[in-house]
All heavy atoms as atom14 arrays in JSON, in Angstrom:
{
  "sequence": "AESGSFPTDLYIAEGVAGAVGGVDRRLVSDASELPGALG",
  "atom14_mask": [
    [1, 1, 1, 1, 1, 0, 0, 0, 0, 0, 0, 0, 0, 0],
    [1, 1, 1, 1, 1, 1, 1, 1, 1, 0, 0, 0, 0, 0],
    [1, 1, 1, 1, 1, 1, 0, 0, 0, 0, 0, 0, 0, 0],
    [1, 1, 1, 1, 0, 0, 0, 0, 0, 0, 0, 0, 0, 0],
    [1, 1, 1, 1, 1, 1, 0, 0, 0, 0, 0, 0, 0, 0],
    [1, 1, 1, 1, 1, 1, 1, 1, 1, 1, 1, 0, 0, 0],
    [1, 1, 1, 1, 1, 1, 1, 0, 0, 0, 0, 0, 0, 0],
    [1, 1, 1, 1, 1, 1, 1, 0, 0, 0, 0, 0, 0, 0],
    [1, 1, 1, 1, 1, 1, 1, 1, 0, 0, 0, 0, 0, 0],
    [1, 1, 1, 1, 1, 1, 1, 1, 0, 0, 0, 0, 0, 0],
    [1, 1, 1, 1, 1, 1, 1, 1, 1, 1, 1, 1, 0, 0],
    [1, 1, 1, 1, 1, 1, 1, 1, 0, 0, 0, 0, 0, 0],
    [1, 1, 1, 1, 1, 0, 0, 0, 0, 0, 0, 0, 0, 0],
    [1, 1, 1, 1, 1, 1, 1, 1, 1, 0, 0, 0, 0, 0],
    [1, 1, 1, 1, 0, 0, 0, 0, 0, 0, 0, 0, 0, 0],
    [1, 1, 1, 1, 1, 1, 1, 0, 0, 0, 0, 0, 0, 0],
    [1, 1, 1, 1, 1, 0, 0, 0, 0, 0, 0, 0, 0, 0],
    [1, 1, 1, 1, 0, 0, 0, 0, 0, 0, 0, 0, 0, 0],
    [1, 1, 1, 1, 1, 0, 0, 0, 0, 0, 0, 0, 0, 0],
    [1, 1, 1, 1, 1, 1, 1, 0, 0, 0, 0, 0, 0, 0],
    [1, 1, 1, 1, 0, 0, 0, 0, 0, 0, 0, 0, 0, 0],
    [1, 1, 1, 1, 0, 0, 0, 0, 0, 0, 0, 0, 0, 0],
    [1, 1, 1, 1, 1, 1, 1, 0, 0, 0, 0, 0, 0, 0],
    [1, 1, 1, 1, 1, 1, 1, 1, 0, 0, 0, 0, 0, 0],
    [1, 1, 1, 1, 1, 1, 1, 1, 1, 1, 1, 0, 0, 0],
    [1, 1, 1, 1, 1, 1, 1, 1, 1, 1, 1, 0, 0, 0],
    [1, 1, 1, 1, 1, 1, 1, 1, 0, 0, 0, 0, 0, 0],
    [1, 1, 1, 1, 1, 1, 1, 0, 0, 0, 0, 0, 0, 0],
    [1, 1, 1, 1, 1, 1, 0, 0, 0, 0, 0, 0, 0, 0],
    [1, 1, 1, 1, 1, 1, 1, 1, 0, 0, 0, 0, 0, 0],
    [1, 1, 1, 1, 1, 0, 0, 0, 0, 0, 0, 0, 0, 0],
    [1, 1, 1, 1, 1, 1, 0, 0, 0, 0, 0, 0, 0, 0],
    [1, 1, 1, 1, 1, 1, 1, 1, 1, 0, 0, 0, 0, 0],
    [1, 1, 1, 1, 1, 1, 1, 1, 0, 0, 0, 0, 0, 0],
    [1, 1, 1, 1, 1, 1, 1, 0, 0, 0, 0, 0, 0, 0],
    [1, 1, 1, 1, 0, 0, 0, 0, 0, 0, 0, 0, 0, 0],
    [1, 1, 1, 1, 1, 0, 0, 0, 0, 0, 0, 0, 0, 0],
    [1, 1, 1, 1, 1, 1, 1, 1, 0, 0, 0, 0, 0, 0],
    [1, 1, 1, 1, 0, 0, 0, 0, 0, 0, 0, 0, 0, 0]
  ],
  "atom14_positions": [
    [[0.9, -1.22, -0.04], [0.03, 0.04, -0.02], [0.87, 1.27, 0.0], [2.04, 1.14, 0.35], [-0.9, -0.03, 1.23], [0.0, 0.0, 0.0], [0.0, 0.0, 0.0], [0.0, 0.0, 0.0], [0.0, 0.0, 0.0], [0.0, 0.0, 0.0], [0.0, 0.0, 0.0], [0.0, 0.0, 0.0], [0.0, 0.0, 0.0], [0.0, 0.0, 0.0]],
    [[0.29, 2.4, -0.44], [0.99, 3.69, -0.33], [1.0, 4.2, 1.1], [-0.06, 4.23, 1.81], [0.33, 4.73, -1.27], [0.54, 4.34, -2.81], [-0.08, 5.42, -3.64], [-1.34, 5.42, -3.56], [0.62, 6.23, -4.3], [0.0, 0.0, 0.0], [0.0, 0.0, 0.0], [0.0, 0.0, 0.0], [0.0, 0.0, 0.0], [0.0, 0.0, 0.0]],
    [[2.11, 4.69, 1.5], [2.2, 5.24, 2.84], [1.29, 6.47, 3.05], [0.86, 6.83, 4.13], [3.63, 5.64, 3.23], [4.18, 6.5, 2.25], [0.0, 0.0, 0.0], [0.0, 0.0, 0.0], [0.0, 0.0, 0.0], [0.0, 0.0, 0.0], [0.0, 0.0, 0.0], [0.0, 0.0, 0.0], [0.0, 0.0, 0.0], [0.0, 0.0, 0.0]],
    [[0.95, 7.23, 1.9], [0.12, 8.41, 1.96], [-1.29, 8.1, 1.75], [-2.09, 9.06, 1.62], [0.0, 0.0, 0.0], [0.0, 0.0, 0.0], [0.0, 0.0, 0.0], [0.0, 0.0, 0.0], [0.0, 0.0, 0.0], [0.0, 0.0, 0.0], [0.0, 0.0, 0.0], [0.0, 0.0, 0.0], [0.0, 0.0, 0.0], [0.0, 0.0, 0.0]],
    [[-1.74, 6.82, 1.69], [-3.14, 6.47, 1.56], [-3.95, 7.12, 2.67], [-3.49, 7.38, 3.76], [-3.3, 4.93, 1.52], [-2.73, 4.37, 0.43], [0.0, 0.0, 0.0], [0.0, 0.0, 0.0], [0.0, 0.0, 0.0], [0.0, 0.0, 0.0], [0.0, 0.0, 0.0], [0.0, 0.0, 0.0], [0.0, 0.0, 0.0], [0.0, 0.0, 0.0]],
    [[-5.25, 7.24, 2.48], [-6.16, 7.55, 3.55], [-5.93, 6.65, 4.69], [-5.92, 5.35, 4.46], [-7.62, 7.55, 3.17], [-8.47, 8.13, 4.13], [-8.49, 9.55, 4.3], [-9.25, 7.41, 4.96], [-9.35, 10.18, 5.32], [-10.05, 7.91, 5.94], [-10.13, 9.37, 6.05], [0.0, 0.0, 0.0], [0.0, 0.0, 0.0], [0.0, 0.0, 0.0]],
    [[-5.76, 7.1, 5.85], [-5.3, 6.27, 7.02], [-6.13, 4.97, 7.25], [-5.62, 3.97, 7.6], [-5.29, 7.12, 8.31], [-5.03, 8.59, 7.67], [-5.76, 8.54, 6.29], [0.0, 0.0, 0.0], [0.0, 0.0, 0.0], [0.0, 0.0, 0.0], [0.0, 0.0, 0.0], [0.0, 0.0, 0.0], [0.0, 0.0, 0.0], [0.0, 0.0, 0.0]],
    [[-7.46, 5.02, 7.05], [-8.23, 3.87, 7.24], [-7.79, 2.63, 6.41], [-7.86, 1.55, 6.83], [-9.75, 4.19, 7.13], [-10.49, 3.04, 7.82], [-10.15, 4.01, 5.67], [0.0, 0.0, 0.0], [0.0, 0.0, 0.0], [0.0, 0.0, 0.0], [0.0, 0.0, 0.0], [0.0, 0.0, 0.0], [0.0, 0.0, 0.0], [0.0, 0.0, 0.0]],
    [[-7.34, 3.02, 5.27], [-6.82, 1.94, 4.37], [-5.57, 1.26, 4.97], [-5.49, 0.01, 4.94], [-6.41, 2.51, 2.98], [-7.63, 2.91, 2.22], [-8.7, 3.13, 2.8], [-7.48, 2.96, 0.88], [0.0, 0.0, 0.0], [0.0, 0.0, 0.0], [0.0, 0.0, 0.0], [0.0, 0.0, 0.0], [0.0, 0.0, 0.0], [0.0, 0.0, 0.0]],
    [[-4.72, 2.02, 5.52], [-3.5, 1.45, 6.15], [-3.89, 0.78, 7.56], [-3.3, -0.32, 7.79], [-2.56, 2.59, 6.54], [-2.0, 3.44, 5.28], [-1.07, 4.5, 5.72], [-1.42, 2.48, 4.19], [0.0, 0.0, 0.0], [0.0, 0.0, 0.0], [0.0, 0.0, 0.0], [0.0, 0.0, 0.0], [0.0, 0.0, 0.0], [0.0, 0.0, 0.0]],
    [[-4.76, 1.3, 8.29], [-5.26, 0.66, 9.49], [-5.84, -0.73, 9.15], [-5.6, -1.74, 9.95], [-6.26, 1.51, 10.27], [-5.77, 2.87, 10.55], [-6.68, 3.89, 10.81], [-4.4, 3.22, 10.65], [-6.24, 5.15, 11.13], [-3.97, 4.5, 10.94], [-4.89, 5.5, 11.18], [-4.56, 6.8, 11.51], [0.0, 0.0, 0.0], [0.0, 0.0, 0.0]],
    [[-6.75, -0.74, 8.16], [-7.42, -2.02, 7.86], [-6.37, -3.03, 7.32], [-6.42, -4.21, 7.67], [-8.51, -1.8, 6.78], [-9.71, -1.0, 7.46], [-9.04, -3.06, 6.24], [-10.45, -1.62, 8.55], [0.0, 0.0, 0.0], [0.0, 0.0, 0.0], [0.0, 0.0, 0.0], [0.0, 0.0, 0.0], [0.0, 0.0, 0.0], [0.0, 0.0, 0.0]],
    [[-5.45, -2.57, 6.48], [-4.39, -3.49, 6.01], [-3.64, -4.0, 7.16], [-3.24, -5.22, 7.2], [-3.5, -2.79, 5.04], [0.0, 0.0, 0.0], [0.0, 0.0, 0.0], [0.0, 0.0, 0.0], [0.0, 0.0, 0.0], [0.0, 0.0, 0.0], [0.0, 0.0, 0.0], [0.0, 0.0, 0.0], [0.0, 0.0, 0.0], [0.0, 0.0, 0.0]],
    [[-3.35, -3.22, 8.18], [-2.61, -3.62, 9.34], [-3.48, -4.62, 10.09], [-2.97, -5.71, 10.62], [-2.27, -2.43, 10.18], [-1.48, -2.72, 11.47], [-1.19, -1.46, 12.29], [-0.95, -0.44, 11.66], [-1.02, -1.6, 13.5], [0.0, 0.0, 0.0], [0.0, 0.0, 0.0], [0.0, 0.0, 0.0], [0.0, 0.0, 0.0], [0.0, 0.0, 0.0]],
    [[-4.77, -4.34, 10.23], [-5.67, -5.31, 10.88], [-5.8, -6.58, 10.18], [-5.8, -7.66, 10.84], [0.0, 0.0, 0.0], [0.0, 0.0, 0.0], [0.0, 0.0, 0.0], [0.0, 0.0, 0.0], [0.0, 0.0, 0.0], [0.0, 0.0, 0.0], [0.0, 0.0, 0.0], [0.0, 0.0, 0.0], [0.0, 0.0, 0.0], [0.0, 0.0, 0.0]],
    [[-5.88, -6.63, 8.89], [-5.96, -7.81, 8.14], [-4.66, -8.7, 8.37], [-4.78, -9.87, 8.53], [-6.19, -7.51, 6.63], [-5.86, -8.8, 5.74], [-7.54, -7.01, 6.39], [0.0, 0.0, 0.0], [0.0, 0.0, 0.0], [0.0, 0.0, 0.0], [0.0, 0.0, 0.0], [0.0, 0.0, 0.0], [0.0, 0.0, 0.0], [0.0, 0.0, 0.0]],
    [[-3.51, -8.02, 8.32], [-2.28, -8.67, 8.5], [-2.23, -9.39, 9.94], [-1.87, -10.49, 10.09], [-1.07, -7.7, 8.39], [0.0, 0.0, 0.0], [0.0, 0.0, 0.0], [0.0, 0.0, 0.0], [0.0, 0.0, 0.0], [0.0, 0.0, 0.0], [0.0, 0.0, 0.0], [0.0, 0.0, 0.0], [0.0, 0.0, 0.0], [0.0, 0.0, 0.0]],
    [[-2.8, -8.68, 10.97], [-2.78, -9.22, 12.25], [-3.84, -10.37, 12.35], [-3.61, -11.33, 13.03], [0.0, 0.0, 0.0], [0.0, 0.0, 0.0], [0.0, 0.0, 0.0], [0.0, 0.0, 0.0], [0.0, 0.0, 0.0], [0.0, 0.0, 0.0], [0.0, 0.0, 0.0], [0.0, 0.0, 0.0], [0.0, 0.0, 0.0], [0.0, 0.0, 0.0]],
    [[-4.98, -10.28, 11.74], [-5.99, -11.27, 11.77], [-5.6, -12.51, 10.94], [-5.98, -13.63, 11.48], [-7.29, -10.74, 11.25], [0.0, 0.0, 0.0], [0.0, 0.0, 0.0], [0.0, 0.0, 0.0], [0.0, 0.0, 0.0], [0.0, 0.0, 0.0], [0.0, 0.0, 0.0], [0.0, 0.0, 0.0], [0.0, 0.0, 0.0], [0.0, 0.0, 0.0]],
    [[-5.04, -12.32, 9.9], [-4.62, -13.5, 9.02], [-3.41, -14.21, 9.63], [-3.24, -15.41, 9.66], [-4.41, -13.08, 7.57], [-3.94, -14.31, 6.71], [-5.78, -12.59, 7.08], [0.0, 0.0, 0.0], [0.0, 0.0, 0.0], [0.0, 0.0, 0.0], [0.0, 0.0, 0.0], [0.0, 0.0, 0.0], [0.0, 0.0, 0.0], [0.0, 0.0, 0.0]],
    [[-2.43, -13.4, 10.01], [-1.2, -13.89, 10.54], [-0.15, -14.22, 9.44], [-0.52, -14.68, 8.35], [0.0, 0.0, 0.0], [0.0, 0.0, 0.0], [0.0, 0.0, 0.0], [0.0, 0.0, 0.0], [0.0, 0.0, 0.0], [0.0, 0.0, 0.0], [0.0, 0.0, 0.0], [0.0, 0.0, 0.0], [0.0, 0.0, 0.0], [0.0, 0.0, 0.0]],
    [[1.04, -13.84, 9.73], [2.2, -14.16, 8.83], [2.06, -13.27, 7.56], [2.62, -13.68, 6.54], [0.0, 0.0, 0.0], [0.0, 0.0, 0.0], [0.0, 0.0, 0.0], [0.0, 0.0, 0.0], [0.0, 0.0, 0.0], [0.0, 0.0, 0.0], [0.0, 0.0, 0.0], [0.0, 0.0, 0.0], [0.0, 0.0, 0.0], [0.0, 0.0, 0.0]],
    [[1.4, -12.15, 7.59], [1.28, -11.25, 6.5], [2.06, -9.97, 6.7], [2.04, -9.43, 7.74], [-0.16, -10.9, 6.18], [-0.36, -9.8, 5.14], [-0.97, -12.1, 5.86], [0.0, 0.0, 0.0], [0.0, 0.0, 0.0], [0.0, 0.0, 0.0], [0.0, 0.0, 0.0], [0.0, 0.0, 0.0], [0.0, 0.0, 0.0], [0.0, 0.0, 0.0]],
    [[2.8, -9.56, 5.59], [3.66, -8.41, 5.76], [2.95, -7.23, 5.07], [2.63, -7.34, 3.81], [5.0, -8.71, 5.13], [5.89, -7.44, 4.93], [5.83, -6.56, 5.75], [6.58, -7.3, 3.87], [0.0, 0.0, 0.0], [0.0, 0.0, 0.0], [0.0, 0.0, 0.0], [0.0, 0.0, 0.0], [0.0, 0.0, 0.0], [0.0, 0.0, 0.0]],
    [[2.82, -6.12, 5.84], [2.27, -4.9, 5.24], [3.43, -4.08, 4.77], [4.16, -3.51, 5.57], [1.34, -4.13, 6.16], [0.62, -3.02, 5.56], [0.03, -2.05, 6.62], [1.0, -1.31, 7.31], [0.76, -0.23, 8.08], [-0.41, 0.22, 8.17], [1.78, 0.4, 8.69], [0.0, 0.0, 0.0], [0.0, 0.0, 0.0], [0.0, 0.0, 0.0]],
    [[3.51, -3.97, 3.44], [4.7, -3.3, 2.78], [4.17, -1.97, 2.18], [3.33, -1.9, 1.31], [5.24, -4.1, 1.71], [6.56, -3.66, 1.09], [7.16, -4.71, 0.08], [7.25, -6.0, 0.75], [7.45, -7.1, 0.08], [7.45, -7.17, -1.18], [7.67, -8.25, 0.84], [0.0, 0.0, 0.0], [0.0, 0.0, 0.0], [0.0, 0.0, 0.0]],
    [[4.87, -0.77, 2.66], [4.49, 0.48, 2.24], [5.46, 1.09, 1.29], [6.68, 0.9, 1.34], [4.41, 1.43, 3.33], [3.31, 1.01, 4.52], [3.34, 2.15, 5.63], [1.96, 0.8, 3.99], [0.0, 0.0, 0.0], [0.0, 0.0, 0.0], [0.0, 0.0, 0.0], [0.0, 0.0, 0.0], [0.0, 0.0, 0.0], [0.0, 0.0, 0.0]],
    [[4.95, 1.82, 0.22], [5.76, 2.54, -0.71], [5.26, 3.99, -0.72], [4.14, 4.26, -0.28], [5.51, 1.91, -2.17], [6.11, 0.65, -2.25], [4.05, 2.02, -2.65], [0.0, 0.0, 0.0], [0.0, 0.0, 0.0], [0.0, 0.0, 0.0], [0.0, 0.0, 0.0], [0.0, 0.0, 0.0], [0.0, 0.0, 0.0], [0.0, 0.0, 0.0]],
    [[6.16, 4.87, -1.06], [5.75, 6.26, -0.93], [4.86, 6.7, -2.02], [3.99, 7.63, -1.72], [6.98, 7.15, -0.98], [7.76, 7.02, -2.23], [0.0, 0.0, 0.0], [0.0, 0.0, 0.0], [0.0, 0.0, 0.0], [0.0, 0.0, 0.0], [0.0, 0.0, 0.0], [0.0, 0.0, 0.0], [0.0, 0.0, 0.0], [0.0, 0.0, 0.0]],
    [[4.94, 6.09, -3.24], [4.02, 6.43, -4.3], [4.13, 5.24, -5.34], [5.01, 4.34, -5.18], [4.25, 7.78, -4.92], [5.66, 7.91, -5.46], [6.13, 7.12, -6.21], [6.34, 8.91, -5.1], [0.0, 0.0, 0.0], [0.0, 0.0, 0.0], [0.0, 0.0, 0.0], [0.0, 0.0, 0.0], [0.0, 0.0, 0.0], [0.0, 0.0, 0.0]],
    [[3.31, 5.29, -6.39], [3.27, 4.27, -7.37], [4.57, 4.1, -8.06], [4.84, 2.94, -8.74], [2.1, 4.47, -8.35], [0.0, 0.0, 0.0], [0.0, 0.0, 0.0], [0.0, 0.0, 0.0], [0.0, 0.0, 0.0], [0.0, 0.0, 0.0], [0.0, 0.0, 0.0], [0.0, 0.0, 0.0], [0.0, 0.0, 0.0], [0.0, 0.0, 0.0]],
    [[5.43, 5.11, -8.13], [6.79, 4.9, -8.91], [7.6, 3.86, -8.22], [8.48, 3.43, -8.96], [7.41, 6.35, -8.97], [7.73, 6.72, -7.67], [0.0, 0.0, 0.0], [0.0, 0.0, 0.0], [0.0, 0.0, 0.0], [0.0, 0.0, 0.0], [0.0, 0.0, 0.0], [0.0, 0.0, 0.0], [0.0, 0.0, 0.0], [0.0, 0.0, 0.0]],
    [[7.31, 3.61, -6.87], [8.2, 2.65, -6.24], [7.58, 1.2, -6.37], [8.18, 0.2, -5.9], [8.25, 3.01, -4.76], [9.04, 4.29, -4.53], [9.17, 4.54, -2.95], [8.61, 3.68, -2.19], [9.75, 5.52, -2.63], [0.0, 0.0, 0.0], [0.0, 0.0, 0.0], [0.0, 0.0, 0.0], [0.0, 0.0, 0.0], [0.0, 0.0, 0.0]],
    [[6.45, 1.03, -6.99], [5.81, -0.27, -7.09], [6.74, -1.37, -7.8], [6.8, -2.4, -7.28], [4.44, -0.24, -7.89], [3.21, 0.21, -7.04], [1.96, 0.25, -7.89], [3.01, -0.8, -5.86], [0.0, 0.0, 0.0], [0.0, 0.0, 0.0], [0.0, 0.0, 0.0], [0.0, 0.0, 0.0], [0.0, 0.0, 0.0], [0.0, 0.0, 0.0]],
    [[7.32, -1.04, -8.91], [8.1, -2.07, -9.59], [9.1, -2.66, -8.66], [9.34, -3.98, -8.68], [8.85, -1.34, -10.73], [7.91, -0.22, -11.02], [7.36, 0.23, -9.65], [0.0, 0.0, 0.0], [0.0, 0.0, 0.0], [0.0, 0.0, 0.0], [0.0, 0.0, 0.0], [0.0, 0.0, 0.0], [0.0, 0.0, 0.0], [0.0, 0.0, 0.0]],
    [[9.78, -1.91, -7.74], [10.7, -2.49, -6.79], [10.15, -3.26, -5.62], [10.8, -4.03, -4.98], [0.0, 0.0, 0.0], [0.0, 0.0, 0.0], [0.0, 0.0, 0.0], [0.0, 0.0, 0.0], [0.0, 0.0, 0.0], [0.0, 0.0, 0.0], [0.0, 0.0, 0.0], [0.0, 0.0, 0.0], [0.0, 0.0, 0.0], [0.0, 0.0, 0.0]],
    [[8.76, -2.99, -5.4], [8.13, -3.65, -4.3], [7.44, -4.86, -4.68], [6.95, -5.73, -3.76], [7.21, -2.65, -3.65], [0.0, 0.0, 0.0], [0.0, 0.0, 0.0], [0.0, 0.0, 0.0], [0.0, 0.0, 0.0], [0.0, 0.0, 0.0], [0.0, 0.0, 0.0], [0.0, 0.0, 0.0], [0.0, 0.0, 0.0], [0.0, 0.0, 0.0]],
    [[7.21, -5.23, -5.92], [6.36, -6.21, -6.32], [7.16, -7.48, -6.62], [7.47, -7.96, -7.72], [5.62, -5.82, -7.71], [4.49, -4.85, -7.5], [4.03, -4.25, -8.88], [3.38, -5.38, -6.69], [0.0, 0.0, 0.0], [0.0, 0.0, 0.0], [0.0, 0.0, 0.0], [0.0, 0.0, 0.0], [0.0, 0.0, 0.0], [0.0, 0.0, 0.0]],
    [[7.53, -8.12, -5.49], [8.15, -9.44, -5.57], [7.15, -10.59, -5.67], [5.93, -10.32, -5.73], [0.0, 0.0, 0.0], [0.0, 0.0, 0.0], [0.0, 0.0, 0.0], [0.0, 0.0, 0.0], [0.0, 0.0, 0.0], [0.0, 0.0, 0.0], [0.0, 0.0, 0.0], [0.0, 0.0, 0.0], [0.0, 0.0, 0.0], [0.0, 0.0, 0.0]]
  ]
}
């Protein structure tokens, strides 16, 4: 997700990661960083 997203998006992503377990929430500053983050 983008670090500048509306905060509820980041909070929910964090909550999903905690609920599912073993999930990494990875933040990029903007879409230009996506190619390097998409493993």
